[in-house]
Amino acid sequence: VDHTEAEGNYLETSGTALIAYALLKGVRMELLPERFADIGEKAFIGILKNKLEFKEDGVVSLKDICLVAGLGGESHRDGSMEYYFSEPIVSDDAKGSAPFILAYTEVLRRKKRVWNLKL
């Protein structure tokens, strides 16, 4: 996140969804100031606008999820940007879909109805 200019860098969906969820839940639980809710909602709306793919068959897909990223092993997973950028980018992986759904539940709790979202 601190190298936005790096070639190969991209807006990764699961991280954005996790941040949106954490901020929204933190505000709901009164662990964070209310101002963080707007940031969480903006992140969620960014996913809706940029990371959902509507296919011809009616299927909706969540794209730009890093398939695997971790640390460990002497010859791999060294935490470098090169390592991270070499990992496959996929759609509909649970590591992205689950936090997206969790963030959505927080949006629904906050808004009481989804139709108030400004897309």
PDB file of N, CA and C in Angstrom:
ATOM      1  N   VAL A   1       0.810  -1.207   0.000  1.00  0.00           N
ATOM      2  CA  VAL A   1       0.000   0.000   0.000  1.00  0.00           C
ATOM      3  C   VAL A   1       0.849   1.264   0.000  1.00  0.00           C
ATOM      4  N   ASP A   2       2.097   1.147   0.380  1.00  0.00           N
ATOM      5  CA  ASP A   2       2.947   2.343   0.414  1.00  0.00           C
ATOM      6  C   ASP A   2       3.782   2.496  -0.854  1.00  0.00           C
ATOM      7  N   HIS A   3       3.504   1.690  -1.873  1.00  0.00           N
ATOM      8  CA  HIS A   3       4.219   1.776  -3.152  1.00  0.00           C
ATOM      9  C   HIS A   3       3.214   1.789  -4.302  1.00  0.00           C
ATOM     10  N   THR A   4       2.316   2.752  -4.270  1.00  0.00           N
ATOM     11  CA  THR A   4       1.259   2.802  -5.287  1.00  0.00           C
ATOM     12  C   THR A   4       1.805   2.989  -6.692  1.00  0.00           C
ATOM     13  N   GLU A   5       3.001   3.544  -6.806  1.00  0.00           N
ATOM     14  CA  GLU A   5       3.584   3.809  -8.123  1.00  0.00           C
ATOM     15  C   GLU A   5       4.308   2.598  -8.712  1.00  0.00           C
ATOM     16  N   ALA A   6       4.481   1.561  -7.951  1.00  0.00           N
ATOM     17  CA  ALA A   6       5.258   0.403  -8.397  1.00  0.00           C
ATOM     18  C   ALA A   6       4.567  -0.326  -9.543  1.00  0.00           C
ATOM     19  N   GLU A   7       5.354  -0.646 -10.564  1.00  0.00           N
ATOM     20  CA  GLU A   7       4.824  -1.400 -11.692  1.00  0.00           C
ATOM     21  C   GLU A   7       4.341  -2.762 -11.200  1.00  0.00           C
ATOM     22  N   GLY A   8       3.141  -3.125 -11.589  1.00  0.00           N
ATOM     23  CA  GLY A   8       2.555  -4.391 -11.167  1.00  0.00           C
ATOM     24  C   GLY A   8       1.662  -4.262  -9.950  1.00  0.00           C
ATOM     25  N   ASN A   9       1.679  -3.102  -9.290  1.00  0.00           N
ATOM     26  CA  ASN A   9       0.823  -2.910  -8.124  1.00  0.00           C
ATOM     27  C   ASN A   9      -0.619  -2.735  -8.580  1.00  0.00           C
ATOM     28  N   TYR A  10      -1.557  -3.102  -7.740  1.00  0.00           N
ATOM     29  CA  TYR A  10      -2.970  -3.009  -8.088  1.00  0.00           C
ATOM     30  C   TYR A  10      -3.788  -2.863  -6.807  1.00  0.00           C
ATOM     31  N   LEU A  11      -5.015  -2.441  -6.962  1.00  0.00           N
ATOM     32  CA  LEU A  11      -5.923  -2.337  -5.828  1.00  0.00           C
ATOM     33  C   LEU A  11      -6.481  -3.723  -5.550  1.00  0.00           C
ATOM     34  N   GLU A  12      -6.047  -4.308  -4.470  1.00  0.00           N
ATOM     35  CA  GLU A  12      -6.393  -5.690  -4.141  1.00  0.00           C
ATOM     36  C   GLU A  12      -7.692  -5.698  -3.337  1.00  0.00           C
ATOM     37  N   THR A  13      -8.636  -6.513  -3.740  1.00  0.00           N
ATOM     38  CA  THR A  13      -9.989  -6.475  -3.205  1.00  0.00           C
ATOM     39  C   THR A  13     -10.095  -6.960  -1.766  1.00  0.00           C
ATOM     40  N   SER A  14      -9.436  -8.041  -1.411  1.00  0.00           N
ATOM     41  CA  SER A  14      -9.640  -8.579  -0.065  1.00  0.00           C
ATOM     42  C   SER A  14      -9.144  -7.616   1.007  1.00  0.00           C
ATOM     43  N   GLY A  15      -8.028  -6.972   0.762  1.00  0.00           N
ATOM     44  CA  GLY A  15      -7.518  -6.005   1.731  1.00  0.00           C
ATOM     45  C   GLY A  15      -8.455  -4.828   1.902  1.00  0.00           C
ATOM     46  N   THR A  16      -9.002  -4.334   0.804  1.00  0.00           N
ATOM     47  CA  THR A  16      -9.947  -3.224   0.862  1.00  0.00           C
ATOM     48  C   THR A  16     -11.206  -3.631   1.622  1.00  0.00           C
ATOM     49  N   ALA A  17     -11.701  -4.824   1.346  1.00  0.00           N
ATOM     50  CA  ALA A  17     -12.904  -5.309   2.026  1.00  0.00           C
ATOM     51  C   ALA A  17     -12.652  -5.489   3.526  1.00  0.00           C
ATOM     52  N   LEU A  18     -11.491  -5.998   3.879  1.00  0.00           N
ATOM     53  CA  LEU A  18     -11.162  -6.162   5.305  1.00  0.00           C
ATOM     54  C   LEU A  18     -11.100  -4.822   6.027  1.00  0.00           C
ATOM     55  N   ILE A  19     -10.517  -3.837   5.366  1.00  0.00           N
ATOM     56  CA  ILE A  19     -10.432  -2.505   5.974  1.00  0.00           C
ATOM     57  C   ILE A  19     -11.828  -1.910   6.123  1.00  0.00           C
ATOM     58  N   ALA A  20     -12.650  -2.021   5.083  1.00  0.00           N
ATOM     59  CA  ALA A  20     -14.020  -1.503   5.160  1.00  0.00           C
ATOM     60  C   ALA A  20     -14.773  -2.161   6.309  1.00  0.00           C
ATOM     61  N   TYR A  21     -14.688  -3.470   6.407  1.00  0.00           N
ATOM     62  CA  TYR A  21     -15.366  -4.214   7.473  1.00  0.00           C
ATOM     63  C   TYR A  21     -14.867  -3.782   8.850  1.00  0.00           C
ATOM     64  N   ALA A  22     -13.562  -3.709   9.015  1.00  0.00           N
ATOM     65  CA  ALA A  22     -13.004  -3.347  10.316  1.00  0.00           C
ATOM     66  C   ALA A  22     -13.430  -1.945  10.747  1.00  0.00           C
ATOM     67  N   LEU A  23     -13.395  -1.004   9.820  1.00  0.00           N
ATOM     68  CA  LEU A  23     -13.787   0.363  10.159  1.00  0.00           C
ATOM     69  C   LEU A  23     -15.265   0.445  10.515  1.00  0.00           C
ATOM     70  N   LEU A  24     -16.106  -0.163   9.708  1.00  0.00           N
ATOM     71  CA  LEU A  24     -17.542  -0.108   9.962  1.00  0.00           C
ATOM     72  C   LEU A  24     -17.921  -0.822  11.256  1.00  0.00           C
ATOM     73  N   LYS A  25     -17.339  -1.965  11.502  1.00  0.00           N
ATOM     74  CA  LYS A  25     -17.647  -2.683  12.734  1.00  0.00           C
ATOM     75  C   LYS A  25     -17.082  -1.941  13.944  1.00  0.00           C
ATOM     76  N   GLY A  26     -15.889  -1.382  13.785  1.00  0.00           N
ATOM     77  CA  GLY A  26     -15.292  -0.618  14.880  1.00  0.00           C
ATOM     78  C   GLY A  26     -16.153   0.562  15.286  1.00  0.00           C
ATOM     79  N   VAL A  27     -16.746   1.240  14.307  1.00  0.00           N
ATOM     80  CA  VAL A  27     -17.650   2.353  14.615  1.00  0.00           C
ATOM     81  C   VAL A  27     -18.911   1.824  15.287  1.00  0.00           C
ATOM     82  N   ARG A  28     -19.477   0.742  14.734  1.00  0.00           N
ATOM     83  CA  ARG A  28     -20.702   0.177  15.323  1.00  0.00           C
ATOM     84  C   ARG A  28     -20.494  -0.227  16.773  1.00  0.00           C
ATOM     85  N   MET A  29     -19.337  -0.777  17.067  1.00  0.00           N
ATOM     86  CA  MET A  29     -19.055  -1.220  18.441  1.00  0.00           C
ATOM     87  C   MET A  29     -18.528  -0.089  19.328  1.00  0.00           C
ATOM     88  N   GLU A  30     -18.492   1.111  18.768  1.00  0.00           N
ATOM     89  CA  GLU A  30     -18.049   2.313  19.474  1.00  0.00           C
ATOM     90  C   GLU A  30     -16.593   2.232  19.921  1.00  0.00           C
ATOM     91  N   LEU A  31     -15.799   1.541  19.122  1.00  0.00           N
ATOM     92  CA  LEU A  31     -14.355   1.466  19.355  1.00  0.00           C
ATOM     93  C   LEU A  31     -13.607   2.504  18.531  1.00  0.00           C
ATOM     94  N   LEU A  32     -14.267   3.012  17.498  1.00  0.00           N
ATOM     95  CA  LEU A  32     -13.695   4.028  16.617  1.00  0.00           C
ATOM     96  C   LEU A  32     -14.646   5.213  16.537  1.00  0.00           C
ATOM     97  N   PRO A  33     -14.112   6.392  16.306  1.00  0.00           N
ATOM     98  CA  PRO A  33     -14.980   7.565  16.122  1.00  0.00           C
ATOM     99  C   PRO A  33     -15.858   7.417  14.879  1.00  0.00           C
ATOM    100  N   GLU A  34     -16.991   8.054  14.902  1.00  0.00           N
ATOM    101  CA  GLU A  34     -17.975   7.994  13.813  1.00  0.00           C
ATOM    102  C   GLU A  34     -17.374   8.347  12.453  1.00  0.00           C
ATOM    103  N   ARG A  35     -16.399   9.232  12.413  1.00  0.00           N
ATOM    104  CA  ARG A  35     -15.831   9.671  11.126  1.00  0.00           C
ATOM    105  C   ARG A  35     -15.233   8.523  10.318  1.00  0.00           C
ATOM    106  N   PHE A  36     -14.867   7.435  10.963  1.00  0.00           N
ATOM    107  CA  PHE A  36     -14.298   6.301  10.247  1.00  0.00           C
ATOM    108  C   PHE A  36     -15.342   5.523   9.446  1.00  0.00           C
ATOM    109  N   ALA A  37     -16.619   5.713   9.777  1.00  0.00           N
ATOM    110  CA  ALA A  37     -17.671   5.026   9.028  1.00  0.00           C
ATOM    111  C   ALA A  37     -17.699   5.502   7.584  1.00  0.00           C
ATOM    112  N   ASP A  38     -17.519   6.789   7.362  1.00  0.00           N
ATOM    113  CA  ASP A  38     -17.505   7.310   5.992  1.00  0.00           C
ATOM    114  C   ASP A  38     -16.373   6.692   5.181  1.00  0.00           C
ATOM    115  N   ILE A  39     -15.232   6.517   5.798  1.00  0.00           N
ATOM    116  CA  ILE A  39     -14.092   5.907   5.104  1.00  0.00           C
ATOM    117  C   ILE A  39     -14.415   4.454   4.753  1.00  0.00           C
ATOM    118  N   GLY A  40     -14.986   3.729   5.702  1.00  0.00           N
ATOM    119  CA  GLY A  40     -15.370   2.345   5.455  1.00  0.00           C
ATOM    120  C   GLY A  40     -16.393   2.221   4.344  1.00  0.00           C
ATOM    121  N   GLU A  41     -17.381   3.109   4.355  1.00  0.00           N
ATOM    122  CA  GLU A  41     -18.395   3.082   3.308  1.00  0.00           C
ATOM    123  C   GLU A  41     -17.804   3.433   1.942  1.00  0.00           C
ATOM    124  N   LYS A  42     -16.907   4.398   1.901  1.00  0.00           N
ATOM    125  CA  LYS A  42     -16.266   4.758   0.627  1.00  0.00           C
ATOM    126  C   LYS A  42     -15.462   3.577   0.075  1.00  0.00           C
ATOM    127  N   ALA A  43     -14.780   2.858   0.950  1.00  0.00           N
ATOM    128  CA  ALA A  43     -14.027   1.684   0.505  1.00  0.00           C
ATOM    129  C   ALA A  43     -14.973   0.627  -0.055  1.00  0.00           C
ATOM    130  N   PHE A  44     -16.081   0.401   0.640  1.00  0.00           N
ATOM    131  CA  PHE A  44     -17.059  -0.585   0.177  1.00  0.00           C
ATOM    132  C   PHE A  44     -17.652  -0.181  -1.168  1.00  0.00           C
ATOM    133  N   ILE A  45     -18.029   1.080  -1.312  1.00  0.00           N
ATOM    134  CA  ILE A  45     -18.586   1.563  -2.571  1.00  0.00           C
ATOM    135  C   ILE A  45     -17.548   1.468  -3.687  1.00  0.00           C
ATOM    136  N   GLY A  46     -16.276   1.693  -3.349  1.00  0.00           N
ATOM    137  CA  GLY A  46     -15.215   1.526  -4.345  1.00  0.00           C
ATOM    138  C   GLY A  46     -15.155   0.105  -4.870  1.00  0.00           C
ATOM    139  N   ILE A  47     -15.357  -0.862  -3.989  1.00  0.00           N
ATOM    140  CA  ILE A  47     -15.403  -2.260  -4.434  1.00  0.00           C
ATOM    141  C   ILE A  47     -16.593  -2.464  -5.364  1.00  0.00           C
ATOM    142  N   LEU A  48     -17.758  -1.942  -4.962  1.00  0.00           N
ATOM    143  CA  LEU A  48     -18.950  -2.101  -5.806  1.00  0.00           C
ATOM    144  C   LEU A  48     -18.725  -1.517  -7.195  1.00  0.00           C
ATOM    145  N   LYS A  49     -18.123  -0.354  -7.255  1.00  0.00           N
ATOM    146  CA  LYS A  49     -17.933   0.324  -8.536  1.00  0.00           C
ATOM    147  C   LYS A  49     -16.835  -0.290  -9.394  1.00  0.00           C
ATOM    148  N   ASN A  50     -15.771  -0.789  -8.753  1.00  0.00           N
ATOM    149  CA  ASN A  50     -14.568  -1.170  -9.509  1.00  0.00           C
ATOM    150  C   ASN A  50     -14.222  -2.652  -9.515  1.00  0.00           C
ATOM    151  N   LYS A  51     -14.778  -3.424  -8.605  1.00  0.00           N
ATOM    152  CA  LYS A  51     -14.325  -4.809  -8.471  1.00  0.00           C
ATOM    153  C   LYS A  51     -15.398  -5.855  -8.732  1.00  0.00           C
ATOM    154  N   LEU A  52     -16.636  -5.421  -8.938  1.00  0.00           N
ATOM    155  CA  LEU A  52     -17.679  -6.367  -9.309  1.00  0.00           C
ATOM    156  C   LEU A  52     -17.754  -6.437 -10.829  1.00  0.00           C
ATOM    157  N   GLU A  53     -17.819  -7.640 -11.337  1.00  0.00           N
ATOM    158  CA  GLU A  53     -17.911  -7.857 -12.773  1.00  0.00           C
ATOM    159  C   GLU A  53     -19.235  -8.560 -13.058  1.00  0.00           C
ATOM    160  N   PHE A  54     -20.039  -7.959 -13.893  1.00  0.00           N
ATOM    161  CA  PHE A  54     -21.337  -8.513 -14.235  1.00  0.00           C
ATOM    162  C   PHE A  54     -21.212  -9.239 -15.567  1.00  0.00           C
ATOM    163  N   LYS A  55     -21.392 -10.547 -15.530  1.00  0.00           N
ATOM    164  CA  LYS A  55     -21.202 -11.371 -16.715  1.00  0.00           C
ATOM    165  C   LYS A  55     -22.512 -11.543 -17.471  1.00  0.00           C
ATOM    166  N   GLU A  56     -22.391 -11.924 -18.732  1.00  0.00           N
ATOM    167  CA  GLU A  56     -23.562 -12.068 -19.599  1.00  0.00           C
ATOM    168  C   GLU A  56     -24.571 -13.084 -19.075  1.00  0.00           C
ATOM    169  N   ASP A  57     -24.109 -14.103 -18.378  1.00  0.00           N
ATOM    170  CA  ASP A  57     -25.013 -15.142 -17.880  1.00  0.00           C
ATOM    171  C   ASP A  57     -25.702 -14.754 -16.577  1.00  0.00           C
ATOM    172  N   GLY A  58     -25.525 -13.496 -16.144  1.00  0.00           N
ATOM    173  CA  GLY A  58     -26.162 -13.022 -14.924  1.00  0.00           C
ATOM    174  C   GLY A  58     -25.350 -13.235 -13.661  1.00  0.00           C
ATOM    175  N   VAL A  59     -24.224 -13.891 -13.786  1.00  0.00           N
ATOM    176  CA  VAL A  59     -23.362 -14.141 -12.636  1.00  0.00           C
ATOM    177  C   VAL A  59     -22.570 -12.871 -12.306  1.00  0.00           C
ATOM    178  N   VAL A  60     -22.460 -12.590 -11.040  1.00  0.00           N
ATOM    179  CA  VAL A  60     -21.651 -11.460 -10.574  1.00  0.00           C
ATOM    180  C   VAL A  60     -20.382 -12.042  -9.985  1.00  0.00           C
ATOM    181  N   SER A  61     -19.256 -11.467 -10.345  1.00  0.00           N
ATOM    182  CA  SER A  61     -17.963 -11.969  -9.913  1.00  0.00           C
ATOM    183  C   SER A  61     -17.201 -10.855  -9.198  1.00  0.00           C
ATOM    184  N   LEU A  62     -16.488 -11.211  -8.153  1.00  0.00           N
ATOM    185  CA  LEU A  62     -15.645 -10.279  -7.411  1.00  0.00           C
ATOM    186  C   LEU A  62     -14.206 -10.507  -7.854  1.00  0.00           C
ATOM    187  N   LYS A  63     -13.591  -9.480  -8.444  1.00  0.00           N
ATOM    188  CA  LYS A  63     -12.287  -9.670  -9.078  1.00  0.00           C
ATOM    189  C   LYS A  63     -11.146  -9.015  -8.293  1.00  0.00           C
ATOM    190  N   ASP A  64      -9.937  -9.286  -8.765  1.00  0.00           N
ATOM    191  CA  ASP A  64      -8.682  -8.697  -8.246  1.00  0.00           C
ATOM    192  C   ASP A  64      -8.374  -9.095  -6.811  1.00  0.00           C
ATOM    193  N   ILE A  65      -8.419 -10.395  -6.559  1.00  0.00           N
ATOM    194  CA  ILE A  65      -8.087 -10.954  -5.250  1.00  0.00           C
ATOM    195  C   ILE A  65      -6.758 -11.691  -5.379  1.00  0.00           C
ATOM    196  N   CYS A  66      -5.825 -11.382  -4.504  1.00  0.00           N
ATOM    197  CA  CYS A  66      -4.548 -12.098  -4.483  1.00  0.00           C
ATOM    198  C   CYS A  66      -4.811 -13.519  -3.999  1.00  0.00           C
ATOM    199  N   LEU A  67      -4.425 -14.505  -4.800  1.00  0.00           N
ATOM    200  CA  LEU A  67      -4.734 -15.895  -4.468  1.00  0.00           C
ATOM    201  C   LEU A  67      -4.062 -16.337  -3.177  1.00  0.00           C
ATOM    202  N   VAL A  68      -2.785 -16.069  -3.036  1.00  0.00           N
ATOM    203  CA  VAL A  68      -2.041 -16.489  -1.856  1.00  0.00           C
ATOM    204  C   VAL A  68      -0.997 -15.431  -1.551  1.00  0.00           C
ATOM    205  N   ALA A  69      -0.885 -15.081  -0.306  1.00  0.00           N
ATOM    206  CA  ALA A  69       0.204 -14.203   0.115  1.00  0.00           C
ATOM    207  C   ALA A  69       0.509 -14.539   1.560  1.00  0.00           C
ATOM    208  N   GLY A  70       1.727 -14.830   1.815  1.00  0.00           N
ATOM    209  CA  GLY A  70       2.138 -15.170   3.176  1.00  0.00           C
ATOM    210  C   GLY A  70       3.634 -15.068   3.285  1.00  0.00           C
ATOM    211  N   LEU A  71       4.106 -15.412   4.410  1.00  0.00           N
ATOM    212  CA  LEU A  71       5.545 -15.387   4.655  1.00  0.00           C
ATOM    213  C   LEU A  71       5.991 -16.776   5.076  1.00  0.00           C
ATOM    214  N   GLY A  72       7.193 -17.145   4.686  1.00  0.00           N
ATOM    215  CA  GLY A  72       7.729 -18.418   5.144  1.00  0.00           C
ATOM    216  C   GLY A  72       8.518 -19.160   4.089  1.00  0.00           C
ATOM    217  N   GLY A  73       9.427 -19.931   4.560  1.00  0.00           N
ATOM    218  CA  GLY A  73      10.277 -20.716   3.671  1.00  0.00           C
ATOM    219  C   GLY A  73      11.486 -19.924   3.221  1.00  0.00           C
ATOM    220  N   GLU A  74      12.610 -20.594   3.098  1.00  0.00           N
ATOM    221  CA  GLU A  74      13.850 -19.911   2.730  1.00  0.00           C
ATOM    222  C   GLU A  74      13.854 -19.441   1.281  1.00  0.00           C
ATOM    223  N   SER A  75      13.193 -20.172   0.400  1.00  0.00           N
ATOM    224  CA  SER A  75      13.287 -19.837  -1.018  1.00  0.00           C
ATOM    225  C   SER A  75      12.040 -19.150  -1.578  1.00  0.00           C
ATOM    226  N   HIS A  76      11.065 -18.897  -0.738  1.00  0.00           N
ATOM    227  CA  HIS A  76       9.851 -18.253  -1.244  1.00  0.00           C
ATOM    228  C   HIS A  76       9.161 -17.468  -0.129  1.00  0.00           C
ATOM    229  N   ARG A  77       8.182 -16.693  -0.522  1.00  0.00           N
ATOM    230  CA  ARG A  77       7.395 -15.906   0.426  1.00  0.00           C
ATOM    231  C   ARG A  77       8.271 -15.034   1.319  1.00  0.00           C
ATOM    232  N   ASP A  78       9.102 -14.223   0.669  1.00  0.00           N
ATOM    233  CA  ASP A  78      10.034 -13.393   1.429  1.00  0.00           C
ATOM    234  C   ASP A  78       9.459 -12.035   1.821  1.00  0.00           C
ATOM    235  N   GLY A  79       8.196 -11.769   1.462  1.00  0.00           N
ATOM    236  CA  GLY A  79       7.568 -10.512   1.827  1.00  0.00           C
ATOM    237  C   GLY A  79       7.901  -9.352   0.910  1.00  0.00           C
ATOM    238  N   SER A  80       8.662  -9.593  -0.136  1.00  0.00           N
ATOM    239  CA  SER A  80       9.043  -8.515  -1.052  1.00  0.00           C
ATOM    240  C   SER A  80       7.885  -8.167  -1.978  1.00  0.00           C
ATOM    241  N   MET A  81       7.971  -6.982  -2.583  1.00  0.00           N
ATOM    242  CA  MET A  81       6.976  -6.608  -3.587  1.00  0.00           C
ATOM    243  C   MET A  81       7.025  -7.572  -4.751  1.00  0.00           C
ATOM    244  N   GLU A  82       8.210  -7.994  -5.145  1.00  0.00           N
ATOM    245  CA  GLU A  82       8.340  -8.919  -6.268  1.00  0.00           C
ATOM    246  C   GLU A  82       7.585 -10.220  -5.988  1.00  0.00           C
ATOM    247  N   TYR A  83       7.709 -10.710  -4.769  1.00  0.00           N
ATOM    248  CA  TYR A  83       6.983 -11.929  -4.408  1.00  0.00           C
ATOM    249  C   TYR A  83       5.478 -11.691  -4.499  1.00  0.00           C
ATOM    250  N   TYR A  84       5.010 -10.609  -3.875  1.00  0.00           N
ATOM    251  CA  TYR A  84       3.580 -10.325  -3.853  1.00  0.00           C
ATOM    252  C   TYR A  84       3.027 -10.161  -5.269  1.00  0.00           C
ATOM    253  N   PHE A  85       3.742  -9.421  -6.110  1.00  0.00           N
ATOM    254  CA  PHE A  85       3.279  -9.187  -7.474  1.00  0.00           C
ATOM    255  C   PHE A  85       3.311 -10.453  -8.321  1.00  0.00           C
ATOM    256  N   SER A  86       4.065 -11.448  -7.906  1.00  0.00           N
ATOM    257  CA  SER A  86       4.142 -12.689  -8.683  1.00  0.00           C
ATOM    258  C   SER A  86       2.991 -13.649  -8.372  1.00  0.00           C
ATOM    259  N   GLU A  87       2.264 -13.380  -7.322  1.00  0.00           N
ATOM    260  CA  GLU A  87       1.156 -14.267  -6.957  1.00  0.00           C
ATOM    261  C   GLU A  87      -0.020 -14.056  -7.918  1.00  0.00           C
ATOM    262  N   PRO A  88      -0.749 -15.133  -8.226  1.00  0.00           N
ATOM    263  CA  PRO A  88      -1.883 -15.018  -9.150  1.00  0.00           C
ATOM    264  C   PRO A  88      -2.983 -14.104  -8.602  1.00  0.00           C
ATOM    265  N   ILE A  89      -3.613 -13.382  -9.511  1.00  0.00           N
ATOM    266  CA  ILE A  89      -4.760 -12.540  -9.186  1.00  0.00           C
ATOM    267  C   ILE A  89      -5.991 -13.268  -9.697  1.00  0.00           C
ATOM    268  N   VAL A  90      -6.957 -13.516  -8.815  1.00  0.00           N
ATOM    269  CA  VAL A  90      -8.110 -14.341  -9.157  1.00  0.00           C
ATOM    270  C   VAL A  90      -9.416 -13.615  -8.828  1.00  0.00           C
ATOM    271  N   SER A  91     -10.497 -14.254  -9.199  1.00  0.00           N
ATOM    272  CA  SER A  91     -11.838 -13.778  -8.859  1.00  0.00           C
ATOM    273  C   SER A  91     -12.515 -14.788  -7.951  1.00  0.00           C
ATOM    274  N   ASP A  92     -13.386 -14.278  -7.102  1.00  0.00           N
ATOM    275  CA  ASP A  92     -14.302 -15.091  -6.296  1.00  0.00           C
ATOM    276  C   ASP A  92     -13.636 -16.000  -5.275  1.00  0.00           C
ATOM    277  N   ASP A  93     -12.422 -15.711  -4.886  1.00  0.00           N
ATOM    278  CA  ASP A  93     -11.762 -16.492  -3.849  1.00  0.00           C
ATOM    279  C   ASP A  93     -12.346 -16.112  -2.490  1.00  0.00           C
ATOM    280  N   ALA A  94     -12.433 -17.076  -1.600  1.00  0.00           N
ATOM    281  CA  ALA A  94     -13.032 -16.846  -0.275  1.00  0.00           C
ATOM    282  C   ALA A  94     -12.312 -15.756   0.508  1.00  0.00           C
ATOM    283  N   LYS A  95     -11.018 -15.581   0.281  1.00  0.00           N
ATOM    284  CA  LYS A  95     -10.274 -14.555   1.029  1.00  0.00           C
ATOM    285  C   LYS A  95     -10.720 -13.150   0.645  1.00  0.00           C
ATOM    286  N   GLY A  96     -11.382 -13.001  -0.477  1.00  0.00           N
ATOM    287  CA  GLY A  96     -11.945 -11.714  -0.873  1.00  0.00           C
ATOM    288  C   GLY A  96     -13.450 -11.664  -0.690  1.00  0.00           C
ATOM    289  N   SER A  97     -14.117 -12.748  -1.033  1.00  0.00           N
ATOM    290  CA  SER A  97     -15.579 -12.780  -0.951  1.00  0.00           C
ATOM    291  C   SER A  97     -16.079 -12.687   0.489  1.00  0.00           C
ATOM    292  N   ALA A  98     -15.434 -13.403   1.392  1.00  0.00           N
ATOM    293  CA  ALA A  98     -15.889 -13.402   2.786  1.00  0.00           C
ATOM    294  C   ALA A  98     -15.798 -12.015   3.424  1.00  0.00           C
ATOM    295  N   PRO A  99     -14.654 -11.318   3.347  1.00  0.00           N
ATOM    296  CA  PRO A  99     -14.636  -9.982   3.949  1.00  0.00           C
ATOM    297  C   PRO A  99     -15.555  -8.993   3.233  1.00  0.00           C
ATOM    298  N   PHE A 100     -15.790  -9.197   1.933  1.00  0.00           N
ATOM    299  CA  PHE A 100     -16.732  -8.355   1.213  1.00  0.00           C
ATOM    300  C   PHE A 100     -18.139  -8.535   1.787  1.00  0.00           C
ATOM    301  N   ILE A 101     -18.529  -9.775   2.019  1.00  0.00           N
ATOM    302  CA  ILE A 101     -19.848 -10.051   2.597  1.00  0.00           C
ATOM    303  C   ILE A 101     -19.934  -9.504   4.022  1.00  0.00           C
ATOM    304  N   LEU A 102     -18.880  -9.671   4.802  1.00  0.00           N
ATOM    305  CA  LEU A 102     -18.872  -9.118   6.163  1.00  0.00           C
ATOM    306  C   LEU A 102     -19.010  -7.598   6.135  1.00  0.00           C
ATOM    307  N   ALA A 103     -18.301  -6.934   5.226  1.00  0.00           N
ATOM    308  CA  ALA A 103     -18.424  -5.476   5.106  1.00  0.00           C
ATOM    309  C   ALA A 103     -19.852  -5.111   4.714  1.00  0.00           C
ATOM    310  N   TYR A 104     -20.434  -5.891   3.826  1.00  0.00           N
ATOM    311  CA  TYR A 104     -21.809  -5.626   3.399  1.00  0.00           C
ATOM    312  C   TYR A 104     -22.773  -5.740   4.570  1.00  0.00           C
ATOM    313  N   THR A 105     -22.579  -6.705   5.440  1.00  0.00           N
ATOM    314  CA  THR A 105     -23.464  -6.826   6.602  1.00  0.00           C
ATOM    315  C   THR A 105     -23.375  -5.587   7.486  1.00  0.00           C
ATOM    316  N   GLU A 106     -22.182  -5.022   7.587  1.00  0.00           N
ATOM    317  CA  GLU A 106     -22.033  -3.799   8.383  1.00  0.00           C
ATOM    318  C   GLU A 106     -22.707  -2.611   7.700  1.00  0.00           C
ATOM    319  N   VAL A 107     -22.609  -2.543   6.375  1.00  0.00           N
ATOM    320  CA  VAL A 107     -23.292  -1.483   5.638  1.00  0.00           C
ATOM    321  C   VAL A 107     -24.799  -1.603   5.855  1.00  0.00           C
ATOM    322  N   LEU A 108     -25.322  -2.819   5.751  1.00  0.00           N
ATOM    323  CA  LEU A 108     -26.761  -3.028   5.949  1.00  0.00           C
ATOM    324  C   LEU A 108     -27.187  -2.649   7.361  1.00  0.00           C
ATOM    325  N   ARG A 109     -26.395  -3.021   8.339  1.00  0.00           N
ATOM    326  CA  ARG A 109     -26.720  -2.651   9.716  1.00  0.00           C
ATOM    327  C   ARG A 109     -26.758  -1.142   9.878  1.00  0.00           C
ATOM    328  N   ARG A 110     -25.822  -0.503   9.217  1.00  0.00           N
ATOM    329  CA  ARG A 110     -25.705   0.949   9.332  1.00  0.00           C
ATOM    330  C   ARG A 110     -26.816   1.671   8.583  1.00  0.00           C
ATOM    331  N   LYS A 111     -27.124   1.225   7.420  1.00  0.00           N
ATOM    332  CA  LYS A 111     -28.086   1.913   6.554  1.00  0.00           C
ATOM    333  C   LYS A 111     -29.521   1.429   6.747  1.00  0.00           C
ATOM    334  N   LYS A 112     -29.687   0.287   7.312  1.00  0.00           N
ATOM    335  CA  LYS A 112     -30.990  -0.353   7.480  1.00  0.00           C
ATOM    336  C   LYS A 112     -31.574  -0.851   6.164  1.00  0.00           C
ATOM    337  N   ARG A 113     -31.148  -0.297   5.048  1.00  0.00           N
ATOM    338  CA  ARG A 113     -31.554  -0.792   3.734  1.00  0.00           C
ATOM    339  C   ARG A 113     -30.481  -0.407   2.722  1.00  0.00           C
ATOM    340  N   VAL A 114     -30.160  -1.317   1.854  1.00  0.00           N
ATOM    341  CA  VAL A 114     -29.058  -1.150   0.920  1.00  0.00           C
ATOM    342  C   VAL A 114     -29.318  -0.059  -0.115  1.00  0.00           C
ATOM    343  N   TRP A 115     -30.542   0.242  -0.397  1.00  0.00           N
ATOM    344  CA  TRP A 115     -30.864   1.133  -1.510  1.00  0.00           C
ATOM    345  C   TRP A 115     -30.446   2.563  -1.254  1.00  0.00           C
ATOM    346  N   ASN A 116     -30.017   2.895  -0.061  1.00  0.00           N
ATOM    347  CA  ASN A 116     -29.544   4.250   0.223  1.00  0.00           C
ATOM    348  C   ASN A 116     -28.107   4.479  -0.221  1.00  0.00           C
ATOM    349  N   LEU A 117     -27.396   3.446  -0.626  1.00  0.00           N
ATOM    350  CA  LEU A 117     -26.015   3.613  -1.054  1.00  0.00           C
ATOM    351  C   LEU A 117     -25.964   4.452  -2.318  1.00  0.00           C
ATOM    352  N   LYS A 118     -25.068   5.389  -2.366  1.00  0.00           N
ATOM    353  CA  LYS A 118     -24.890   6.233  -3.545  1.00  0.00           C
ATOM    354  C   LYS A 118     -23.793   5.635  -4.419  1.00  0.00           C
ATOM    355  N   LEU A 119     -24.180   5.024  -5.521  1.00  0.00           N
ATOM    356  CA  LEU A 119     -23.212   4.386  -6.413  1.00  0.00           C
ATOM    357  C   LEU A 119     -22.782   5.312  -7.504  1.00  0.00           C
TER     358      LEU A 119
END
